[in-house]
Amino acid sequence: MIVIAAALFGAVWGGMLARKRKGNKADIAQYAVVYALAYGLLGFIVTIIIEKAIT
């Protein structure tokens, strides 16, 4: 669940950042995908750390 939330947050954040920098639609899509991947990976790592701490 953390991974999905982090990926969605990253996509929104990346899209807003590209729009703020006056990017066209392709730029906005690329930023959204890259930020979603990066934040999704970070969420995955956090999930693993939490899982290891619980058990």
Protein backbone atom coordinates (compact mmCIF):
# COMPACT_ATOMS: atom_id res chain seq x y z
CA MET A 1 0.00 0.00 0.00
CA ILE A 2 2.86 2.35 0.77
CA VAL A 3 4.35 1.69 -2.67
CA ILE A 4 1.15 2.63 -4.48
CA ALA A 5 0.66 5.78 -2.41
CA ALA A 6 4.27 6.83 -2.91
CA ALA A 7 4.08 6.21 -6.68
CA LEU A 8 0.89 8.25 -6.99
CA PHE A 9 2.39 11.06 -4.92
CA GLY A 10 5.51 11.00 -7.09
CA ALA A 11 3.50 11.14 -10.30
CA VAL A 12 1.51 14.12 -9.10
CA TRP A 13 4.62 15.87 -7.78
CA GLY A 14 6.52 15.30 -11.04
CA GLY A 15 3.64 16.49 -13.18
CA MET A 16 3.24 19.64 -11.13
CA LEU A 17 6.98 20.31 -11.27
CA ALA A 18 7.08 19.95 -15.06
CA ARG A 19 4.05 22.21 -15.44
CA LYS A 20 5.68 24.81 -13.18
CA ARG A 21 8.77 24.71 -15.43
CA LYS A 22 6.55 25.39 -18.47
CA GLY A 23 6.94 21.91 -19.99
CA ASN A 24 4.80 20.61 -22.82
CA LYS A 25 2.61 17.50 -22.48
CA ALA A 26 5.47 15.10 -23.23
CA ASP A 27 7.65 16.75 -20.57
CA ILE A 28 4.86 16.53 -18.01
CA ALA A 29 4.29 12.85 -18.79
CA GLN A 30 8.00 12.05 -18.59
CA TYR A 31 8.44 13.84 -15.26
CA ALA A 32 5.35 12.09 -13.88
CA VAL A 33 6.62 8.63 -14.88
CA VAL A 34 10.16 9.18 -13.62
CA TYR A 35 9.03 10.62 -10.30
CA ALA A 36 6.47 7.82 -9.90
CA LEU A 37 9.20 5.23 -10.41
CA ALA A 38 11.59 6.94 -8.03
CA TYR A 39 9.03 7.42 -5.27
CA GLY A 40 7.63 3.93 -5.83
CA LEU A 41 11.11 2.47 -5.35
CA LEU A 42 11.56 4.56 -2.22
CA GLY A 43 8.18 3.32 -0.93
CA PHE A 44 9.23 -0.26 -1.64
CA ILE A 45 12.41 0.19 0.40
CA VAL A 46 10.45 1.75 3.26
CA THR A 47 7.99 -1.16 3.16
CA ILE A 48 10.84 -3.67 3.41
CA ILE A 49 12.38 -1.77 6.34
CA ILE A 50 9.06 -1.67 8.17
CA GLU A 51 8.44 -5.36 7.50
CA LYS A 52 11.89 -6.29 8.86
CA ALA A 53 11.36 -4.13 11.94
CA ILE A 54 8.04 -5.81 12.74
CA THR A 55 9.29 -9.38 12.55
